[in-house]
Structure formats: structure tokens, C-alpha cells
Amino acid sequence: EEWLKSSTDSFRRAGIPVFIDRSEPVLRDAWPLPDTILYFG
């Protein structure tokens, strides 16, 4: 979890917008995620 949170902070500082899902299940079906260039989960 800490690796993911630290990565999020790196993206934020670099000016890469982040959508973060904080719930236990994986991101729900059909959730729109346009222009995704980096995914970690």
C-alpha cells in the first residue's frame, strides 16, 4: 500500500493527474479511465 501511495505522490509532484481508488475491491466494471498512461494496483 505504501508503494502505491508513494507512487501517487511522485505522479502528483510531476504534474501527472491521478485518479486514485481507495476502496478494497478493484475498480468497478466500466468505470471510465480515459487517457491512462500509468496504472498500478
PDB file of all heavy atoms in Angstrom:
ATOM      1  N   GLU A   1       0.833  -1.203   0.000  1.00  0.00           N
ATOM      2  CA  GLU A   1       0.000   0.000   0.000  1.00  0.00           C
ATOM      3  C   GLU A   1       0.872   1.260   0.000  1.00  0.00           C
ATOM      4  O   GLU A   1       0.569   2.238  -0.692  1.00  0.00           O
ATOM      5  CB  GLU A   1      -0.912   0.010   1.235  1.00  0.00           C
ATOM      6  CG  GLU A   1      -1.984  -1.057   1.230  1.00  0.00           C
ATOM      7  CD  GLU A   1      -3.148  -0.738   0.299  1.00  0.00           C
ATOM      8  OE1 GLU A   1      -3.740   0.347   0.417  1.00  0.00           O
ATOM      9  OE2 GLU A   1      -3.443  -1.582  -0.564  1.00  0.00           O
ATOM     10  N   GLU A   2       1.954   1.212   0.771  1.00  0.00           N
ATOM     11  CA  GLU A   2       2.832   2.376   0.847  1.00  0.00           C
ATOM     12  C   GLU A   2       3.521   2.634  -0.487  1.00  0.00           C
ATOM     13  O   GLU A   2       3.748   3.791  -0.858  1.00  0.00           O
ATOM     14  CB  GLU A   2       3.864   2.191   1.965  1.00  0.00           C
ATOM     15  CG  GLU A   2       3.269   2.140   3.355  1.00  0.00           C
ATOM     16  CD  GLU A   2       2.398   3.351   3.663  1.00  0.00           C
ATOM     17  OE1 GLU A   2       2.794   4.479   3.306  1.00  0.00           O
ATOM     18  OE2 GLU A   2       1.312   3.175   4.253  1.00  0.00           O
ATOM     19  N   TRP A   3       3.886   1.574  -1.222  1.00  0.00           N
ATOM     20  CA  TRP A   3       4.471   1.769  -2.559  1.00  0.00           C
ATOM     21  C   TRP A   3       3.500   2.533  -3.450  1.00  0.00           C
ATOM     22  O   TRP A   3       3.905   3.432  -4.198  1.00  0.00           O
ATOM     23  CB  TRP A   3       4.781   0.430  -3.215  1.00  0.00           C
ATOM     24  CG  TRP A   3       5.781  -0.424  -2.524  1.00  0.00           C
ATOM     25  CD1 TRP A   3       6.661  -0.052  -1.547  1.00  0.00           C
ATOM     26  CD2 TRP A   3       6.001  -1.818  -2.758  1.00  0.00           C
ATOM     27  NE1 TRP A   3       7.411  -1.126  -1.160  1.00  0.00           N
ATOM     28  CE2 TRP A   3       7.034  -2.214  -1.883  1.00  0.00           C
ATOM     29  CE3 TRP A   3       5.437  -2.761  -3.605  1.00  0.00           C
ATOM     30  CZ2 TRP A   3       7.505  -3.531  -1.855  1.00  0.00           C
ATOM     31  CZ3 TRP A   3       5.897  -4.057  -3.577  1.00  0.00           C
ATOM     32  CH2 TRP A   3       6.925  -4.443  -2.712  1.00  0.00           C
ATOM     33  N   LEU A   4       2.231   2.155  -3.397  1.00  0.00           N
ATOM     34  CA  LEU A   4       1.228   2.790  -4.243  1.00  0.00           C
ATOM     35  C   LEU A   4       1.003   4.251  -3.840  1.00  0.00           C
ATOM     36  O   LEU A   4       0.893   5.134  -4.685  1.00  0.00           O
ATOM     37  CB  LEU A   4      -0.083   2.013  -4.175  1.00  0.00           C
ATOM     38  CG  LEU A   4      -0.058   0.621  -4.832  1.00  0.00           C
ATOM     39  CD1 LEU A   4      -1.288  -0.174  -4.449  1.00  0.00           C
ATOM     40  CD2 LEU A   4       0.037   0.748  -6.346  1.00  0.00           C
ATOM     41  N   LYS A   5       0.951   4.500  -2.552  1.00  0.00           N
ATOM     42  CA  LYS A   5       0.752   5.873  -2.083  1.00  0.00           C
ATOM     43  C   LYS A   5       1.948   6.748  -2.435  1.00  0.00           C
ATOM     44  O   LYS A   5       1.791   7.915  -2.831  1.00  0.00           O
ATOM     45  CB  LYS A   5       0.501   5.875  -0.573  1.00  0.00           C
ATOM     46  CG  LYS A   5      -0.819   5.239  -0.171  1.00  0.00           C
ATOM     47  CD  LYS A   5      -0.949   5.149   1.348  1.00  0.00           C
ATOM     48  CE  LYS A   5      -2.236   4.429   1.750  1.00  0.00           C
ATOM     49  NZ  LYS A   5      -2.330   4.267   3.228  1.00  0.00           N
ATOM     50  N   SER A   6       3.142   6.199  -2.297  1.00  0.00           N
ATOM     51  CA  SER A   6       4.343   6.956  -2.647  1.00  0.00           C
ATOM     52  C   SER A   6       4.398   7.239  -4.148  1.00  0.00           C
ATOM     53  O   SER A   6       4.795   8.328  -4.574  1.00  0.00           O
ATOM     54  CB  SER A   6       5.588   6.181  -2.209  1.00  0.00           C
ATOM     55  OG  SER A   6       6.764   6.882  -2.534  1.00  0.00           O
ATOM     56  N   SER A   7       3.980   6.249  -4.964  1.00  0.00           N
ATOM     57  CA  SER A   7       3.916   6.466  -6.408  1.00  0.00           C
ATOM     58  C   SER A   7       2.938   7.582  -6.743  1.00  0.00           C
ATOM     59  O   SER A   7       3.206   8.434  -7.606  1.00  0.00           O
ATOM     60  CB  SER A   7       3.496   5.176  -7.118  1.00  0.00           C
ATOM     61  OG  SER A   7       4.469   4.163  -6.971  1.00  0.00           O
ATOM     62  N   THR A   8       1.794   7.586  -6.067  1.00  0.00           N
ATOM     63  CA  THR A   8       0.796   8.635  -6.269  1.00  0.00           C
ATOM     64  C   THR A   8       1.400  10.006  -6.007  1.00  0.00           C
ATOM     65  O   THR A   8       1.184  10.959  -6.765  1.00  0.00           O
ATOM     66  CB  THR A   8      -0.414   8.403  -5.350  1.00  0.00           C
ATOM     67  OG1 THR A   8      -0.996   7.134  -5.643  1.00  0.00           O
ATOM     68  CG2 THR A   8      -1.453   9.490  -5.522  1.00  0.00           C
ATOM     69  N   ASP A   9       2.186  10.112  -4.948  1.00  0.00           N
ATOM     70  CA  ASP A   9       2.807  11.384  -4.608  1.00  0.00           C
ATOM     71  C   ASP A   9       3.829  11.792  -5.667  1.00  0.00           C
ATOM     72  O   ASP A   9       3.934  12.971  -6.017  1.00  0.00           O
ATOM     73  CB  ASP A   9       3.475  11.284  -3.237  1.00  0.00           C
ATOM     74  CG  ASP A   9       3.811  12.643  -2.653  1.00  0.00           C
ATOM     75  OD1 ASP A   9       2.949  13.537  -2.692  1.00  0.00           O
ATOM     76  OD2 ASP A   9       4.950  12.819  -2.177  1.00  0.00           O
ATOM     77  N   SER A  10       4.569  10.812  -6.210  1.00  0.00           N
ATOM     78  CA  SER A  10       5.527  11.111  -7.280  1.00  0.00           C
ATOM     79  C   SER A  10       4.810  11.639  -8.516  1.00  0.00           C
ATOM     80  O   SER A  10       5.264  12.606  -9.148  1.00  0.00           O
ATOM     81  CB  SER A  10       6.335   9.865  -7.638  1.00  0.00           C
ATOM     82  OG  SER A  10       7.192   9.481  -6.589  1.00  0.00           O
ATOM     83  N   PHE A  11       3.695  11.005  -8.868  1.00  0.00           N
ATOM     84  CA  PHE A  11       2.928  11.464 -10.027  1.00  0.00           C
ATOM     85  C   PHE A  11       2.413  12.885  -9.804  1.00  0.00           C
ATOM     86  O   PHE A  11       2.480  13.736 -10.698  1.00  0.00           O
ATOM     87  CB  PHE A  11       1.753  10.524 -10.306  1.00  0.00           C
ATOM     88  CG  PHE A  11       2.133   9.103 -10.612  1.00  0.00           C
ATOM     89  CD1 PHE A  11       1.307   8.052 -10.233  1.00  0.00           C
ATOM     90  CD2 PHE A  11       3.309   8.804 -11.265  1.00  0.00           C
ATOM     91  CE1 PHE A  11       1.644   6.738 -10.513  1.00  0.00           C
ATOM     92  CE2 PHE A  11       3.654   7.490 -11.558  1.00  0.00           C
ATOM     93  CZ  PHE A  11       2.810   6.456 -11.177  1.00  0.00           C
ATOM     94  N   ARG A  12       1.897  13.126  -8.613  1.00  0.00           N
ATOM     95  CA  ARG A  12       1.342  14.458  -8.312  1.00  0.00           C
ATOM     96  C   ARG A  12       2.419  15.526  -8.459  1.00  0.00           C
ATOM     97  O   ARG A  12       2.190  16.575  -9.091  1.00  0.00           O
ATOM     98  CB  ARG A  12       0.773  14.477  -6.891  1.00  0.00           C
ATOM     99  CG  ARG A  12       0.187  15.823  -6.471  1.00  0.00           C
ATOM    100  CD  ARG A  12      -0.165  15.852  -4.992  1.00  0.00           C
ATOM    101  NE  ARG A  12       0.999  15.626  -4.147  1.00  0.00           N
ATOM    102  CZ  ARG A  12       1.912  16.553  -3.858  1.00  0.00           C
ATOM    103  NH1 ARG A  12       1.816  17.780  -4.372  1.00  0.00           N
ATOM    104  NH2 ARG A  12       2.927  16.273  -3.069  1.00  0.00           N
ATOM    105  N   ARG A  13       3.591  15.298  -7.900  1.00  0.00           N
ATOM    106  CA  ARG A  13       4.670  16.285  -7.978  1.00  0.00           C
ATOM    107  C   ARG A  13       5.139  16.497  -9.419  1.00  0.00           C
ATOM    108  O   ARG A  13       5.592  17.580  -9.786  1.00  0.00           O
ATOM    109  CB  ARG A  13       5.853  15.861  -7.105  1.00  0.00           C
ATOM    110  CG  ARG A  13       5.572  15.916  -5.609  1.00  0.00           C
ATOM    111  CD  ARG A  13       6.866  15.857  -4.813  1.00  0.00           C
ATOM    112  NE  ARG A  13       7.644  14.687  -5.164  1.00  0.00           N
ATOM    113  CZ  ARG A  13       7.551  13.501  -4.565  1.00  0.00           C
ATOM    114  NH1 ARG A  13       6.682  13.344  -3.568  1.00  0.00           N
ATOM    115  NH2 ARG A  13       8.306  12.497  -4.926  1.00  0.00           N
ATOM    116  N   ALA A  14       5.048  15.437 -10.233  1.00  0.00           N
ATOM    117  CA  ALA A  14       5.472  15.538 -11.625  1.00  0.00           C
ATOM    118  C   ALA A  14       4.426  16.193 -12.513  1.00  0.00           C
ATOM    119  O   ALA A  14       4.683  16.440 -13.696  1.00  0.00           O
ATOM    120  CB  ALA A  14       5.805  14.147 -12.160  1.00  0.00           C
ATOM    121  N   GLY A  15       3.243  16.467 -11.967  1.00  0.00           N
ATOM    122  CA  GLY A  15       2.194  17.085 -12.767  1.00  0.00           C
ATOM    123  C   GLY A  15       1.409  16.089 -13.601  1.00  0.00           C
ATOM    124  O   GLY A  15       0.809  16.456 -14.615  1.00  0.00           O
ATOM    125  N   ILE A  16       1.420  14.830 -13.194  1.00  0.00           N
ATOM    126  CA  ILE A  16       0.618  13.811 -13.870  1.00  0.00           C
ATOM    127  C   ILE A  16      -0.668  13.622 -13.070  1.00  0.00           C
ATOM    128  O   ILE A  16      -0.621  13.197 -11.911  1.00  0.00           O
ATOM    129  CB  ILE A  16       1.382  12.483 -13.982  1.00  0.00           C
ATOM    130  CG1 ILE A  16       2.657  12.676 -14.812  1.00  0.00           C
ATOM    131  CG2 ILE A  16       0.501  11.400 -14.603  1.00  0.00           C
ATOM    132  CD1 ILE A  16       3.550  11.450 -14.870  1.00  0.00           C
ATOM    133  N   PRO A  17      -1.824  13.944 -13.631  1.00  0.00           N
ATOM    134  CA  PRO A  17      -3.083  13.808 -12.887  1.00  0.00           C
ATOM    135  C   PRO A  17      -3.314  12.352 -12.475  1.00  0.00           C
ATOM    136  O   PRO A  17      -3.002  11.426 -13.226  1.00  0.00           O
ATOM    137  CB  PRO A  17      -4.143  14.272 -13.885  1.00  0.00           C
ATOM    138  CG  PRO A  17      -3.401  15.022 -14.942  1.00  0.00           C
ATOM    139  CD  PRO A  17      -2.039  14.423 -15.007  1.00  0.00           C
ATOM    140  N   VAL A  18      -3.870  12.158 -11.298  1.00  0.00           N
ATOM    141  CA  VAL A  18      -4.059  10.812 -10.754  1.00  0.00           C
ATOM    142  C   VAL A  18      -5.509  10.605 -10.352  1.00  0.00           C
ATOM    143  O   VAL A  18      -6.085  11.423  -9.627  1.00  0.00           O
ATOM    144  CB  VAL A  18      -3.166  10.573  -9.518  1.00  0.00           C
ATOM    145  CG1 VAL A  18      -3.270   9.113  -9.065  1.00  0.00           C
ATOM    146  CG2 VAL A  18      -1.716  10.946  -9.795  1.00  0.00           C
ATOM    147  N   PHE A  19      -6.081   9.488 -10.807  1.00  0.00           N
ATOM    148  CA  PHE A  19      -7.333   9.011 -10.216  1.00  0.00           C
ATOM    149  C   PHE A  19      -6.966   7.878  -9.275  1.00  0.00           C
ATOM    150  O   PHE A  19      -6.378   6.880  -9.695  1.00  0.00           O
ATOM    151  CB  PHE A  19      -8.313   8.506 -11.269  1.00  0.00           C
ATOM    152  CG  PHE A  19      -9.606   8.023 -10.654  1.00  0.00           C
ATOM    153  CD1 PHE A  19     -10.630   8.916 -10.411  1.00  0.00           C
ATOM    154  CD2 PHE A  19      -9.781   6.691 -10.294  1.00  0.00           C
ATOM    155  CE1 PHE A  19     -11.823   8.486  -9.812  1.00  0.00           C
ATOM    156  CE2 PHE A  19     -10.960   6.257  -9.702  1.00  0.00           C
ATOM    157  CZ  PHE A  19     -11.983   7.162  -9.459  1.00  0.00           C
ATOM    158  N   ILE A  20      -7.291   8.036  -8.014  1.00  0.00           N
ATOM    159  CA  ILE A  20      -6.957   7.010  -7.018  1.00  0.00           C
ATOM    160  C   ILE A  20      -8.235   6.397  -6.465  1.00  0.00           C
ATOM    161  O   ILE A  20      -9.189   7.113  -6.135  1.00  0.00           O
ATOM    162  CB  ILE A  20      -6.082   7.588  -5.880  1.00  0.00           C
ATOM    163  CG1 ILE A  20      -5.634   6.479  -4.917  1.00  0.00           C
ATOM    164  CG2 ILE A  20      -6.781   8.717  -5.153  1.00  0.00           C
ATOM    165  CD1 ILE A  20      -4.547   6.899  -3.954  1.00  0.00           C
ATOM    166  N   ASP A  21      -8.272   5.072  -6.419  1.00  0.00           N
ATOM    167  CA  ASP A  21      -9.408   4.354  -5.850  1.00  0.00           C
ATOM    168  C   ASP A  21      -8.979   3.803  -4.494  1.00  0.00           C
ATOM    169  O   ASP A  21      -8.041   3.009  -4.417  1.00  0.00           O
ATOM    170  CB  ASP A  21      -9.837   3.208  -6.766  1.00  0.00           C
ATOM    171  CG  ASP A  21     -11.026   2.462  -6.204  1.00  0.00           C
ATOM    172  OD1 ASP A  21     -12.105   3.067  -6.083  1.00  0.00           O
ATOM    173  OD2 ASP A  21     -10.864   1.275  -5.851  1.00  0.00           O
ATOM    174  N   ARG A  22      -9.645   4.218  -3.448  1.00  0.00           N
ATOM    175  CA  ARG A  22      -9.241   3.859  -2.093  1.00  0.00           C
ATOM    176  C   ARG A  22     -10.077   2.731  -1.502  1.00  0.00           C
ATOM    177  O   ARG A  22      -9.953   2.426  -0.322  1.00  0.00           O
ATOM    178  CB  ARG A  22      -9.319   5.089  -1.181  1.00  0.00           C
ATOM    179  CG  ARG A  22      -8.450   6.252  -1.637  1.00  0.00           C
ATOM    180  CD  ARG A  22      -8.554   7.444  -0.701  1.00  0.00           C
ATOM    181  NE  ARG A  22      -7.864   8.617  -1.213  1.00  0.00           N
ATOM    182  CZ  ARG A  22      -6.567   8.858  -1.070  1.00  0.00           C
ATOM    183  NH1 ARG A  22      -5.818   7.996  -0.399  1.00  0.00           N
ATOM    184  NH2 ARG A  22      -6.027   9.957  -1.569  1.00  0.00           N
ATOM    185  N   SER A  23     -10.917   2.104  -2.301  1.00  0.00           N
ATOM    186  CA  SER A  23     -11.752   1.021  -1.778  1.00  0.00           C
ATOM    187  C   SER A  23     -11.038  -0.323  -1.921  1.00  0.00           C
ATOM    188  O   SER A  23     -10.115  -0.474  -2.726  1.00  0.00           O
ATOM    189  CB  SER A  23     -13.094   0.984  -2.508  1.00  0.00           C
ATOM    190  OG  SER A  23     -12.905   0.777  -3.887  1.00  0.00           O
ATOM    191  N   GLU A  24     -11.466  -1.287  -1.157  1.00  0.00           N
ATOM    192  CA  GLU A  24     -10.795  -2.599  -1.148  1.00  0.00           C
ATOM    193  C   GLU A  24     -10.934  -3.346  -2.470  1.00  0.00           C
ATOM    194  O   GLU A  24      -9.946  -3.883  -2.972  1.00  0.00           O
ATOM    195  CB  GLU A  24     -11.339  -3.450   0.003  1.00  0.00           C
ATOM    196  CG  GLU A  24     -10.648  -4.790   0.134  1.00  0.00           C
ATOM    197  CD  GLU A  24     -11.141  -5.574   1.325  1.00  0.00           C
ATOM    198  OE1 GLU A  24     -11.852  -4.998   2.175  1.00  0.00           O
ATOM    199  OE2 GLU A  24     -10.817  -6.777   1.425  1.00  0.00           O
ATOM    200  N   PRO A  25     -12.108  -3.420  -3.089  1.00  0.00           N
ATOM    201  CA  PRO A  25     -12.206  -4.132  -4.374  1.00  0.00           C
ATOM    202  C   PRO A  25     -11.468  -3.381  -5.480  1.00  0.00           C
ATOM    203  O   PRO A  25     -11.195  -2.183  -5.365  1.00  0.00           O
ATOM    204  CB  PRO A  25     -13.712  -4.166  -4.647  1.00  0.00           C
ATOM    205  CG  PRO A  25     -14.375  -3.798  -3.357  1.00  0.00           C
ATOM    206  CD  PRO A  25     -13.421  -2.930  -2.631  1.00  0.00           C
ATOM    207  N   VAL A  26     -11.181  -4.078  -6.560  1.00  0.00           N
ATOM    208  CA  VAL A  26     -10.593  -3.399  -7.716  1.00  0.00           C
ATOM    209  C   VAL A  26     -11.624  -2.419  -8.294  1.00  0.00           C
ATOM    210  O   VAL A  26     -12.815  -2.516  -8.005  1.00  0.00           O
ATOM    211  CB  VAL A  26     -10.151  -4.401  -8.805  1.00  0.00           C
ATOM    212  CG1 VAL A  26      -9.028  -5.293  -8.305  1.00  0.00           C
ATOM    213  CG2 VAL A  26     -11.328  -5.229  -9.292  1.00  0.00           C
ATOM    214  N   LEU A  27     -11.141  -1.488  -9.086  1.00  0.00           N
ATOM    215  CA  LEU A  27     -12.023  -0.501  -9.714  1.00  0.00           C
ATOM    216  C   LEU A  27     -13.204  -1.183 -10.398  1.00  0.00           C
ATOM    217  O   LEU A  27     -13.028  -2.148 -11.131  1.00  0.00           O
ATOM    218  CB  LEU A  27     -11.234   0.303 -10.734  1.00  0.00           C
ATOM    219  CG  LEU A  27     -10.465   1.511 -10.183  1.00  0.00           C
ATOM    220  CD1 LEU A  27      -9.345   1.911 -11.138  1.00  0.00           C
ATOM    221  CD2 LEU A  27     -11.424   2.680  -9.985  1.00  0.00           C
ATOM    222  N   ARG A  28     -14.376  -0.662 -10.179  1.00  0.00           N
ATOM    223  CA  ARG A  28     -15.602  -1.310 -10.633  1.00  0.00           C
ATOM    224  C   ARG A  28     -15.670  -1.391 -12.160  1.00  0.00           C
ATOM    225  O   ARG A  28     -15.063  -0.577 -12.875  1.00  0.00           O
ATOM    226  CB  ARG A  28     -16.833  -0.604 -10.068  1.00  0.00           C
ATOM    227  CG  ARG A  28     -17.059   0.781 -10.581  1.00  0.00           C
ATOM    228  CD  ARG A  28     -18.343   1.388 -10.003  1.00  0.00           C
ATOM    229  NE  ARG A  28     -18.209   1.697  -8.574  1.00  0.00           N
ATOM    230  CZ  ARG A  28     -18.848   1.010  -7.615  1.00  0.00           C
ATOM    231  NH1 ARG A  28     -19.637   0.002  -7.921  1.00  0.00           N
ATOM    232  NH2 ARG A  28     -18.703   1.351  -6.364  1.00  0.00           N
ATOM    233  N   ASP A  29     -16.425  -2.363 -12.636  1.00  0.00           N
ATOM    234  CA  ASP A  29     -16.622  -2.569 -14.070  1.00  0.00           C
ATOM    235  C   ASP A  29     -17.099  -1.273 -14.740  1.00  0.00           C
ATOM    236  O   ASP A  29     -17.951  -0.551 -14.195  1.00  0.00           O
ATOM    237  CB  ASP A  29     -17.673  -3.657 -14.327  1.00  0.00           C
ATOM    238  CG  ASP A  29     -17.169  -5.042 -13.966  1.00  0.00           C
ATOM    239  OD1 ASP A  29     -15.948  -5.201 -13.818  1.00  0.00           O
ATOM    240  OD2 ASP A  29     -18.010  -5.957 -13.828  1.00  0.00           O
ATOM    241  N   ALA A  30     -16.550  -1.028 -15.921  1.00  0.00           N
ATOM    242  CA  ALA A  30     -16.972   0.068 -16.808  1.00  0.00           C
ATOM    243  C   ALA A  30     -16.647   1.458 -16.268  1.00  0.00           C
ATOM    244  O   ALA A  30     -17.077   2.455 -16.854  1.00  0.00           O
ATOM    245  CB  ALA A  30     -18.468  -0.027 -17.119  1.00  0.00           C
ATOM    246  N   TRP A  31     -15.895   1.539 -15.179  1.00  0.00           N
ATOM    247  CA  TRP A  31     -15.542   2.856 -14.653  1.00  0.00           C
ATOM    248  C   TRP A  31     -14.666   3.568 -15.688  1.00  0.00           C
ATOM    249  O   TRP A  31     -13.675   3.028 -16.145  1.00  0.00           O
ATOM    250  CB  TRP A  31     -14.808   2.740 -13.332  1.00  0.00           C
ATOM    251  CG  TRP A  31     -14.670   4.074 -12.641  1.00  0.00           C
ATOM    252  CD1 TRP A  31     -13.600   4.913 -12.670  1.00  0.00           C
ATOM    253  CD2 TRP A  31     -15.660   4.716 -11.840  1.00  0.00           C
ATOM    254  NE1 TRP A  31     -13.854   6.044 -11.954  1.00  0.00           N
ATOM    255  CE2 TRP A  31     -15.113   5.955 -11.419  1.00  0.00           C
ATOM    256  CE3 TRP A  31     -16.957   4.375 -11.447  1.00  0.00           C
ATOM    257  CZ2 TRP A  31     -15.822   6.844 -10.619  1.00  0.00           C
ATOM    258  CZ3 TRP A  31     -17.663   5.273 -10.641  1.00  0.00           C
ATOM    259  CH2 TRP A  31     -17.099   6.484 -10.231  1.00  0.00           C
ATOM    260  N   PRO A  32     -15.013   4.787 -16.102  1.00  0.00           N
ATOM    261  CA  PRO A  32     -14.278   5.453 -17.184  1.00  0.00           C
ATOM    262  C   PRO A  32     -12.909   5.955 -16.734  1.00  0.00           C
ATOM    263  O   PRO A  32     -12.799   6.690 -15.745  1.00  0.00           O
ATOM    264  CB  PRO A  32     -15.197   6.619 -17.564  1.00  0.00           C
ATOM    265  CG  PRO A  32     -15.997   6.894 -16.329  1.00  0.00           C
ATOM    266  CD  PRO A  32     -16.168   5.589 -15.616  1.00  0.00           C
ATOM    267  N   LEU A  33     -11.881   5.563 -17.467  1.00  0.00           N
ATOM    268  CA  LEU A  33     -10.494   5.925 -17.156  1.00  0.00           C
ATOM    269  C   LEU A  33      -9.803   6.360 -18.450  1.00  0.00           C
ATOM    270  O   LEU A  33      -8.967   5.649 -19.001  1.00  0.00           O
ATOM    271  CB  LEU A  33      -9.753   4.734 -16.529  1.00  0.00           C
ATOM    272  CG  LEU A  33     -10.342   4.175 -15.229  1.00  0.00           C
ATOM    273  CD1 LEU A  33      -9.712   2.837 -14.891  1.00  0.00           C
ATOM    274  CD2 LEU A  33     -10.146   5.171 -14.076  1.00  0.00           C
ATOM    275  N   PRO A  34     -10.143   7.531 -18.959  1.00  0.00           N
ATOM    276  CA  PRO A  34      -9.595   7.945 -20.257  1.00  0.00           C
ATOM    277  C   PRO A  34      -8.116   8.288 -20.170  1.00  0.00           C
ATOM    278  O   PRO A  34      -7.614   8.710 -19.124  1.00  0.00           O
ATOM    279  CB  PRO A  34     -10.425   9.193 -20.588  1.00  0.00           C
ATOM    280  CG  PRO A  34     -10.786   9.766 -19.254  1.00  0.00           C
ATOM    281  CD  PRO A  34     -11.004   8.582 -18.365  1.00  0.00           C
ATOM    282  N   ASP A  35      -7.413   8.095 -21.266  1.00  0.00           N
ATOM    283  CA  ASP A  35      -6.029   8.558 -21.420  1.00  0.00           C
ATOM    284  C   ASP A  35      -5.107   8.026 -20.328  1.00  0.00           C
ATOM    285  O   ASP A  35      -4.210   8.731 -19.852  1.00  0.00           O
ATOM    286  CB  ASP A  35      -5.974  10.093 -21.424  1.00  0.00           C
ATOM    287  CG  ASP A  35      -6.833  10.697 -22.522  1.00  0.00           C
ATOM    288  OD1 ASP A  35      -6.925  10.088 -23.605  1.00  0.00           O
ATOM    289  OD2 ASP A  35      -7.429  11.775 -22.288  1.00  0.00           O
ATOM    290  N   THR A  36      -5.307   6.762 -19.942  1.00  0.00           N
ATOM    291  CA  THR A  36      -4.478   6.178 -18.890  1.00  0.00           C
ATOM    292  C   THR A  36      -3.104   5.821 -19.443  1.00  0.00           C
ATOM    293  O   THR A  36      -2.978   5.001 -20.353  1.00  0.00           O
ATOM    294  CB  THR A  36      -5.142   4.931 -18.294  1.00  0.00           C
ATOM    295  OG1 THR A  36      -6.414   5.286 -17.740  1.00  0.00           O
ATOM    296  CG2 THR A  36      -4.282   4.325 -17.190  1.00  0.00           C
ATOM    297  N   ILE A  37      -2.065   6.441 -18.874  1.00  0.00           N
ATOM    298  CA  ILE A  37      -0.689   6.152 -19.294  1.00  0.00           C
ATOM    299  C   ILE A  37       0.087   5.383 -18.231  1.00  0.00           C
ATOM    300  O   ILE A  37       1.111   4.764 -18.537  1.00  0.00           O
ATOM    301  CB  ILE A  37       0.078   7.443 -19.650  1.00  0.00           C
ATOM    302  CG1 ILE A  37       0.119   8.401 -18.451  1.00  0.00           C
ATOM    303  CG2 ILE A  37      -0.529   8.111 -20.878  1.00  0.00           C
ATOM    304  CD1 ILE A  37       1.078   9.574 -18.627  1.00  0.00           C
ATOM    305  N   LEU A  38      -0.400   5.405 -17.001  1.00  0.00           N
ATOM    306  CA  LEU A  38       0.267   4.701 -15.901  1.00  0.00           C
ATOM    307  C   LEU A  38      -0.809   4.061 -15.034  1.00  0.00           C
ATOM    308  O   LEU A  38      -1.748   4.742 -14.601  1.00  0.00           O
ATOM    309  CB  LEU A  38       1.108   5.667 -15.063  1.00  0.00           C
ATOM    310  CG  LEU A  38       2.281   6.347 -15.782  1.00  0.00           C
ATOM    311  CD1 LEU A  38       2.742   7.578 -15.017  1.00  0.00           C
ATOM    312  CD2 LEU A  38       3.445   5.365 -15.956  1.00  0.00           C
ATOM    313  N   TYR A  39      -0.674   2.767 -14.783  1.00  0.00           N
ATOM    314  CA  TYR A  39      -1.622   2.074 -13.901  1.00  0.00           C
ATOM    315  C   TYR A  39      -0.831   1.191 -12.946  1.00  0.00           C
ATOM    316  O   TYR A  39       0.021   0.392 -13.367  1.00  0.00           O
ATOM    317  CB  TYR A  39      -2.595   1.195 -14.680  1.00  0.00           C
ATOM    318  CG  TYR A  39      -3.297   0.188 -13.787  1.00  0.00           C
ATOM    319  CD1 TYR A  39      -4.376   0.575 -12.995  1.00  0.00           C
ATOM    320  CD2 TYR A  39      -2.844  -1.128 -13.682  1.00  0.00           C
ATOM    321  CE1 TYR A  39      -4.991  -0.325 -12.138  1.00  0.00           C
ATOM    322  CE2 TYR A  39      -3.455  -2.035 -12.830  1.00  0.00           C
ATOM    323  CZ  TYR A  39      -4.524  -1.632 -12.059  1.00  0.00           C
ATOM    324  OH  TYR A  39      -5.123  -2.530 -11.198  1.00  0.00           O
ATOM    325  N   PHE A  40      -1.135   1.309 -11.655  1.00  0.00           N
ATOM    326  CA  PHE A  40      -0.545   0.439 -10.649  1.00  0.00           C
ATOM    327  C   PHE A  40      -1.613   0.103  -9.617  1.00  0.00           C
ATOM    328  O   PHE A  40      -2.296   0.994  -9.100  1.00  0.00           O
ATOM    329  CB  PHE A  40       0.656   1.126  -9.968  1.00  0.00           C
ATOM    330  CG  PHE A  40       1.791   1.350 -10.923  1.00  0.00           C
ATOM    331  CD1 PHE A  40       1.860   2.520 -11.670  1.00  0.00           C
ATOM    332  CD2 PHE A  40       2.759   0.373 -11.116  1.00  0.00           C
ATOM    333  CE1 PHE A  40       2.880   2.721 -12.582  1.00  0.00           C
ATOM    334  CE2 PHE A  40       3.776   0.567 -12.031  1.00  0.00           C
ATOM    335  CZ  PHE A  40       3.848   1.742 -12.764  1.00  0.00           C
ATOM    336  N   GLY A  41      -1.772  -1.179  -9.356  1.00  0.00           N
ATOM    337  CA  GLY A  41      -2.774  -1.610  -8.395  1.00  0.00           C
ATOM    338  C   GLY A  41      -2.532  -3.028  -7.934  1.00  0.00           C
ATOM    339  O   GLY A  41      -1.578  -3.685  -8.344  1.00  0.00           O
TER     340      GLY A  41
END
